[in-house]
Protein backbone atom coordinates (compact mmCIF):
# COMPACT_ATOMS: atom_id res chain seq x y z
CA MET A 1 0.00 0.00 0.00
CA GLY A 2 1.42 3.42 -0.98
CA LYS A 3 2.13 5.97 1.70
CA LYS A 4 -0.37 8.46 0.29
CA LEU A 5 -3.11 5.82 0.15
CA PHE A 6 -2.35 4.74 3.72
CA VAL A 7 -2.58 8.35 4.95
CA PHE A 8 -5.84 8.84 3.03
CA LEU A 9 -7.44 5.71 4.52
CA SER A 10 -6.24 6.67 7.98
CA LEU A 11 -7.89 10.08 7.63
CA LEU A 12 -11.12 8.41 6.53
CA ALA A 13 -11.05 6.17 9.60
CA LEU A 14 -10.50 9.14 11.90
CA LEU A 15 -13.33 11.00 10.21
CA ALA A 16 -15.65 8.03 10.71
CA LEU A 17 -14.82 7.99 14.40
CA ALA A 18 -15.41 11.72 14.66
CA VAL A 19 -18.91 11.60 13.19
CA ALA A 20 -20.01 8.37 14.88
CA PRO A 21 -22.30 8.94 17.85
CA LEU A 22 -20.91 8.28 21.28
CA GLY A 23 -22.42 5.44 23.23
CA ALA A 24 -24.87 6.41 25.95
CA GLN A 25 -22.26 5.57 28.57
CA ASP A 26 -19.79 7.97 26.90
CA ARG A 27 -22.10 10.94 26.45
CA VAL A 28 -21.49 13.82 28.86
CA LEU A 29 -24.75 14.43 30.68
CA GLY A 30 -26.09 17.89 31.33
CA GLU A 31 -26.40 19.32 34.80
CA ILE A 32 -30.16 18.83 35.04
CA THR A 33 -30.07 15.32 33.58
CA GLN A 34 -27.37 14.31 36.04
CA ARG A 35 -29.31 15.85 38.91
CA ILE A 36 -32.39 13.84 37.96
CA ILE A 37 -30.38 10.61 37.83
CA ASP A 38 -28.66 11.29 41.15
CA ARG A 39 -31.97 12.17 42.81
CA GLY A 40 -33.78 9.25 41.24
CA SER A 41 -36.77 11.33 40.23
CA LEU A 42 -37.85 14.13 37.91
CA ILE A 43 -39.39 17.24 39.53
CA CYS A 44 -42.09 18.48 37.19
CA GLY A 45 -44.11 21.67 37.55
CA VAL A 46 -47.76 21.02 36.66
CA ASN A 47 -51.27 22.37 37.01
CA ASP A 48 -53.27 20.61 39.69
CA VAL A 49 -56.72 22.18 39.16
CA LEU A 50 -57.36 21.72 35.42
CA PRO A 51 -59.07 18.40 34.64
CA GLY A 52 -57.72 16.75 31.52
CA PHE A 53 -54.35 18.51 31.62
CA GLY A 54 -53.18 18.62 35.22
CA PHE A 55 -55.39 17.64 38.14
CA ARG A 56 -54.88 16.28 41.64
CA ASN A 57 -57.69 14.20 43.12
CA GLU A 58 -58.66 13.89 46.78
CA SER A 59 -56.14 11.06 47.21
CA GLY A 60 -53.35 13.33 46.01
CA GLU A 61 -52.91 11.48 42.70
CA PHE A 62 -52.03 13.50 39.62
CA SER A 63 -53.48 12.87 36.18
CA GLY A 64 -53.78 14.64 32.86
CA PHE A 65 -52.26 15.23 29.44
CA ASP A 66 -49.39 17.39 30.72
CA VAL A 67 -48.83 15.06 33.67
CA ASP A 68 -48.34 12.16 31.25
CA VAL A 69 -45.67 14.16 29.41
CA CYS A 70 -43.77 14.40 32.71
CA ARG A 71 -44.09 10.66 33.15
CA ALA A 72 -42.83 10.05 29.61
CA VAL A 73 -39.66 12.08 30.27
CA ALA A 74 -39.07 10.25 33.55
CA ALA A 75 -39.48 6.91 31.77
CA ALA A 76 -36.92 7.94 29.15
CA ILE A 77 -34.25 9.05 31.63
CA LEU A 78 -34.86 6.80 34.64
CA GLY A 79 -36.72 3.88 33.09
CA ASP A 80 -39.63 4.50 35.49
CA ALA A 81 -42.65 6.64 34.59
CA ASN A 82 -43.60 6.85 38.26
CA ALA A 83 -40.28 8.41 39.28
CA VAL A 84 -41.81 11.91 39.21
CA THR A 85 -42.33 14.45 41.96
CA PHE A 86 -45.14 16.76 40.89
CA ARG A 87 -44.89 20.37 41.99
CA PRO A 88 -48.22 22.28 41.67
CA THR A 89 -47.40 25.52 39.85
CA THR A 90 -49.53 28.62 39.27
CA GLY A 91 -49.51 30.60 36.06
CA ALA A 92 -47.74 33.48 37.77
CA ASP A 93 -44.90 31.53 39.41
CA ARG A 94 -43.90 29.46 36.36
CA PRO A 95 -40.84 31.54 35.38
CA THR A 96 -39.65 31.77 38.99
CA VAL A 97 -39.70 28.06 39.79
CA LEU A 98 -38.15 27.27 36.40
CA ALA A 99 -35.30 29.75 36.76
CA SER A 100 -34.58 28.89 40.40
CA GLY A 101 -34.13 25.18 39.72
CA GLU A 102 -37.05 24.31 41.98
CA ILE A 103 -38.34 22.20 39.12
CA ASP A 104 -36.51 20.35 36.35
CA LEU A 105 -39.30 20.61 33.81
CA LEU A 106 -42.46 22.66 33.39
CA SER A 107 -45.38 20.84 31.80
CA ARG A 108 -48.32 23.09 32.58
CA ASN A 109 -50.44 24.34 29.65
CA THR A 110 -47.84 27.01 28.84
CA THR A 111 -47.98 29.06 25.64
CA TRP A 112 -44.78 29.45 23.63
CA THR A 113 -44.19 33.17 23.05
CA LEU A 114 -41.21 35.30 22.07
CA SER A 115 -41.03 37.10 25.42
CA ARG A 116 -41.15 33.87 27.44
CA ASP A 117 -38.61 32.18 25.21
CA VAL A 118 -36.16 35.02 25.86
CA GLU A 119 -37.01 36.47 29.27
CA TRP A 120 -37.60 33.20 31.08
CA GLY A 121 -34.23 31.82 29.98
CA SER A 122 -36.14 28.80 28.76
CA THR A 123 -36.18 26.21 26.01
CA PHE A 124 -39.60 25.27 24.68
CA ALA A 125 -40.03 21.69 23.55
CA PRO A 126 -42.17 20.92 20.49
CA THR A 127 -45.80 21.97 20.87
CA THR A 128 -47.89 19.19 22.39
CA PHE A 129 -51.26 20.92 22.09
CA TYR A 130 -52.32 23.64 19.65
CA ASP A 131 -54.94 25.78 21.33
CA GLY A 132 -56.57 29.20 21.16
CA GLN A 133 -58.12 31.55 23.70
CA GLY A 134 -61.88 31.58 24.09
CA ILE A 135 -64.63 33.17 26.14
CA MET A 136 -67.29 31.43 28.23
CA VAL A 137 -70.55 32.94 29.50
CA ARG A 138 -73.56 31.69 31.40
CA THR A 139 -76.11 30.25 29.01
CA ASP A 140 -78.98 32.15 30.63
CA SER A 141 -77.15 35.49 30.28
CA GLY A 142 -78.21 35.97 26.68
CA LEU A 143 -74.64 36.99 25.76
CA ALA A 144 -73.80 35.63 22.33
CA ALA A 145 -70.83 37.61 21.00
CA ILE A 146 -67.78 39.47 22.27
CA GLU A 147 -69.50 42.78 21.47
CA ASP A 148 -72.16 41.91 24.06
CA LEU A 149 -69.50 42.16 26.77
CA ALA A 150 -69.02 45.92 26.31
CA GLY A 151 -69.09 47.56 29.75
CA GLY A 152 -69.00 44.20 31.49
CA THR A 153 -66.49 42.39 33.67
CA ILE A 154 -64.31 39.57 32.36
CA CYS A 155 -62.31 37.34 34.70
CA THR A 156 -59.18 35.30 34.05
CA ASN A 157 -56.04 34.10 35.84
CA ALA A 158 -53.01 36.33 36.37
CA GLY A 159 -49.56 35.88 34.86
CA THR A 160 -50.84 34.41 31.61
CA THR A 161 -51.16 35.45 27.98
CA THR A 162 -54.93 35.67 28.44
CA GLU A 163 -54.75 39.10 30.08
CA LEU A 164 -53.09 40.75 27.09
CA ASN A 165 -55.12 38.81 24.53
CA ILE A 166 -58.53 39.79 25.92
CA THR A 167 -57.38 43.40 26.37
CA ASP A 168 -56.19 43.54 22.75
CA ALA A 169 -59.40 41.91 21.51
CA MET A 170 -61.67 44.37 23.35
CA GLN A 171 -59.62 47.49 22.60
CA SER A 172 -59.31 46.65 18.90
CA ARG A 173 -63.12 46.64 18.78
CA GLY A 174 -63.43 49.85 20.77
CA LEU A 175 -65.10 48.04 23.67
CA GLU A 176 -64.69 49.21 27.26
CA PHE A 177 -64.60 46.48 29.93
CA ASN A 178 -63.36 45.63 33.40
CA LEU A 179 -60.72 42.93 33.86
CA GLN A 180 -60.36 40.98 37.09
CA THR A 181 -57.53 38.51 37.58
CA PHE A 182 -56.97 35.66 40.00
CA GLN A 183 -53.97 33.50 40.87
CA GLU A 184 -55.68 30.42 39.44
CA PHE A 185 -58.47 29.92 36.93
CA ASN A 186 -60.60 28.14 39.53
CA GLY A 187 -60.63 31.47 41.41
CA ALA A 188 -61.90 33.19 38.27
CA MET A 189 -64.57 30.50 37.90
CA ALA A 190 -65.66 30.91 41.51
CA ALA A 191 -66.14 34.65 40.96
CA PHE A 192 -67.93 33.94 37.68
CA ASN A 193 -70.32 31.50 39.34
CA GLU A 194 -71.04 34.03 42.08
CA GLY A 195 -72.03 36.61 39.49
CA ALA A 196 -68.98 38.86 39.90
CA CYS A 197 -67.99 38.33 36.25
CA ASP A 198 -70.04 38.42 33.06
CA ALA A 199 -67.59 36.08 31.35
CA VAL A 200 -64.38 34.15 31.86
CA THR A 201 -61.58 33.73 29.36
CA THR A 202 -58.72 31.25 29.02
CA ASP A 203 -57.55 28.60 26.55
CA ILE A 204 -60.48 26.91 24.84
CA SER A 205 -59.23 23.52 26.05
CA GLY A 206 -59.43 24.84 29.61
CA LEU A 207 -62.95 26.10 29.05
CA VAL A 208 -63.99 22.75 27.59
CA SER A 209 -62.55 20.78 30.51
CA THR A 210 -64.02 23.17 33.09
CA LYS A 211 -67.44 23.02 31.46
CA GLY A 212 -67.30 19.24 31.06
CA ALA A 213 -66.29 18.67 34.69
CA SER A 214 -69.05 20.91 36.07
CA ALA A 215 -72.27 19.63 37.64
CA ASP A 216 -74.34 21.31 34.89
CA PRO A 217 -72.37 21.71 31.64
CA GLY A 218 -75.44 23.09 29.88
CA SER A 219 -75.38 26.17 32.09
CA TYR A 220 -72.21 27.37 30.33
CA THR A 221 -71.77 28.48 26.72
CA ILE A 222 -68.43 28.91 24.97
CA LEU A 223 -68.67 31.73 22.43
CA GLU A 224 -67.78 30.97 18.81
CA ILE A 225 -64.65 33.08 18.73
CA VAL A 226 -60.93 32.29 18.89
CA LEU A 227 -58.91 35.23 20.17
CA SER A 228 -55.37 33.97 19.71
CA LYS A 229 -52.90 31.23 18.87
CA GLU A 230 -51.85 29.28 21.98
CA PRO A 231 -49.20 26.64 21.19
CA LEU A 232 -48.79 24.76 24.47
CA GLY A 233 -45.90 22.54 25.48
CA PRO A 234 -43.27 21.63 28.07
CA VAL A 235 -40.47 24.03 28.98
CA SER A 236 -36.97 23.42 30.37
CA PRO A 237 -34.18 25.82 31.45
CA GLN A 238 -31.74 26.97 28.77
CA SER A 239 -28.90 26.00 31.09
CA ASP A 240 -29.00 22.36 30.00
CA ALA A 241 -29.19 21.78 26.25
CA GLN A 242 -28.69 18.04 26.66
CA PHE A 243 -31.74 17.73 28.92
CA ALA A 244 -33.74 19.90 26.50
CA ASP A 245 -32.77 17.52 23.70
CA ILE A 246 -34.14 14.58 25.68
CA VAL A 247 -37.44 16.35 26.33
CA ARG A 248 -37.67 17.40 22.67
CA TRP A 249 -37.14 13.91 21.31
CA VAL A 250 -39.43 12.26 23.84
CA VAL A 251 -42.22 14.53 22.57
CA TYR A 252 -41.33 13.74 18.96
CA GLY A 253 -41.19 10.07 19.91
CA LEU A 254 -44.76 10.10 21.25
CA ILE A 255 -45.94 11.58 17.95
CA GLN A 256 -43.82 9.26 15.79
CA ALA A 257 -45.05 6.21 17.69
CA GLU A 258 -48.62 7.05 16.77
CA GLU A 259 -47.63 7.58 13.15
CA PHE A 260 -45.94 4.14 13.11
CA GLY A 261 -49.03 2.60 14.74
CA ILE A 262 -46.99 1.57 17.78
CA THR A 263 -49.06 1.51 20.97
CA SER A 264 -48.66 0.43 24.57
CA GLU A 265 -50.43 -2.79 23.61
CA ASN A 266 -48.37 -3.81 20.57
CA VAL A 267 -44.92 -2.23 21.05
CA GLU A 268 -43.23 -5.57 21.72
CA GLU A 269 -44.50 -6.92 18.40
CA PHE A 270 -42.66 -4.12 16.60
CA LEU A 271 -39.32 -5.09 18.14
CA THR A 272 -38.92 -7.74 15.43
CA SER A 273 -39.81 -5.34 12.60
CA GLU A 274 -37.46 -5.35 9.63
CA ASP A 275 -38.21 -1.72 8.85
CA PRO A 276 -34.93 0.19 9.48
CA SER A 277 -36.82 3.31 10.58
CA ILE A 278 -38.74 1.37 13.22
CA GLN A 279 -35.59 -0.46 14.31
CA ARG A 280 -33.77 2.83 14.92
CA PHE A 281 -36.79 4.28 16.67
CA LEU A 282 -37.06 1.37 19.10
CA GLY A 283 -33.34 1.02 19.74
CA VAL A 284 -32.42 -1.80 17.39
CA GLY A 285 -29.56 -1.56 14.89
CA GLU A 286 -27.18 1.35 14.29
CA ASN A 287 -27.18 5.14 14.71
CA LEU A 288 -29.61 4.94 17.60
CA ALA A 289 -31.26 7.91 19.29
CA GLY A 290 -30.15 6.96 22.79
CA ASP A 291 -26.50 7.16 21.79
CA TYR A 292 -27.01 10.77 20.74
CA LEU A 293 -29.01 11.70 23.83
CA GLY A 294 -26.97 9.88 26.49
CA ILE A 295 -29.80 7.58 27.58
CA ASP A 296 -30.78 3.96 26.87
CA ASN A 297 -31.28 3.22 23.20
CA ASP A 298 -34.63 1.56 23.85
CA PHE A 299 -35.94 4.57 25.78
CA MET A 300 -38.96 4.92 23.50
CA VAL A 301 -39.95 1.30 24.20
CA THR A 302 -40.07 2.15 27.92
CA VAL A 303 -41.95 5.41 27.24
CA ILE A 304 -44.58 3.75 25.06
CA GLN A 305 -45.05 0.84 27.44
CA SER A 306 -45.52 3.30 30.30
CA VAL A 307 -47.77 6.04 28.86
CA GLY A 308 -48.64 5.02 25.31
CA ASN A 309 -48.22 7.10 22.17
CA TYR A 310 -49.47 10.66 21.62
CA GLY A 311 -52.90 9.47 20.47
CA GLU A 312 -53.34 7.24 23.51
CA ILE A 313 -52.44 10.10 25.86
CA TYR A 314 -54.88 12.43 24.09
CA GLU A 315 -57.69 9.87 24.05
CA ARG A 316 -57.26 8.93 27.71
CA ASN A 317 -57.16 12.46 29.07
CA LEU A 318 -59.17 14.60 26.66
CA THR A 319 -61.38 12.72 24.20
CA THR A 320 -62.91 10.08 26.47
CA PRO A 321 -63.72 12.31 29.47
CA PHE A 322 -64.52 15.58 27.66
CA GLY A 323 -65.24 14.71 24.05
CA LEU A 324 -62.43 17.01 22.91
CA GLU A 325 -61.76 16.11 19.28
CA ARG A 326 -58.25 16.09 17.83
CA GLY A 327 -58.79 18.90 15.30
CA VAL A 328 -55.44 20.52 14.48
CA ASN A 329 -53.84 18.22 17.06
CA ALA A 330 -54.31 15.27 14.71
CA LEU A 331 -51.29 13.78 12.97
CA TRP A 332 -50.11 15.58 9.85
CA THR A 333 -51.11 12.49 7.88
CA ASP A 334 -54.69 13.11 9.05
CA GLY A 335 -54.70 16.81 8.23
CA GLY A 336 -53.41 18.03 11.61
CA LEU A 337 -50.23 19.73 12.78
CA MET A 338 -48.60 16.91 14.76
CA TYR A 339 -45.37 16.06 12.96
CA SER A 340 -42.22 14.40 14.26
CA MET A 341 -38.73 15.16 13.05
CA PRO A 342 -36.90 12.07 11.68
CA PHE A 343 -35.25 9.67 14.14
CA ARG A 344 -32.02 9.33 12.17
């Protein structure tokens, strides 16, 4: 072999080593990821008063769409979806508990906005629920449109995008109104039910779940108006890009699993699939996701076994109890916006 050829082949070999992913055991873990592993649990900031998304029952058990996202991340990192400490978080204290390190992850119906992305020092994961702000009135009030609320009082929770959105919506129409805010939306609902407010406003999903969980859903009417775009999803601190990558790809994995047709019931059957895309996704073969992220290569198998795919999470928490249809939250193959980046 000539000297030049030997040098050329040697350079190719070094290049191959440089671009090959490190094994999970070789990947340098981020500060938050390491803290979670050392602690043995993920601390997740959630809502505890919004049925369907984040709710704590009388026994202290948490359930909901956002709660299941926390469990999915814990399953990916620790191999145990139950290794989560839930920290009830209000709309107003979200940036504080995130920045202080009091929580590792925020999964609490939080809208991705420019100001939050920058000022909170946060990293938003892919959107898990596309929503919009709505308005709810009492059915017997006779109010049928936003214009009917001129001179009235509208209640919402503080520290959220809803305050600015409703103000913009009323002012752009030249409508005067009074705005009352509360720490939590259940406080706004209490005032609304006592007659202190003519209407309440928050994300439409929140209005649907509140109405559906009430003793008399027919007594409430959600107006046919969407005031804003509210892309909701989990948030992590910018201080740990490696942890943010894990959260990001767990969310994509939930979506991709549904697209593949992989569920909590049939995931083991797919382990013998000869489809290279499915093999990579489930941790079989080469160039596996876990090697890039510093976690087990079969992390999505554990996630799916524990919480199901995106569709299962949606069905369990939102469709079955509240009749909330998928709409724009359907897969892109079904005309929706849910789309996973490639696992390769």
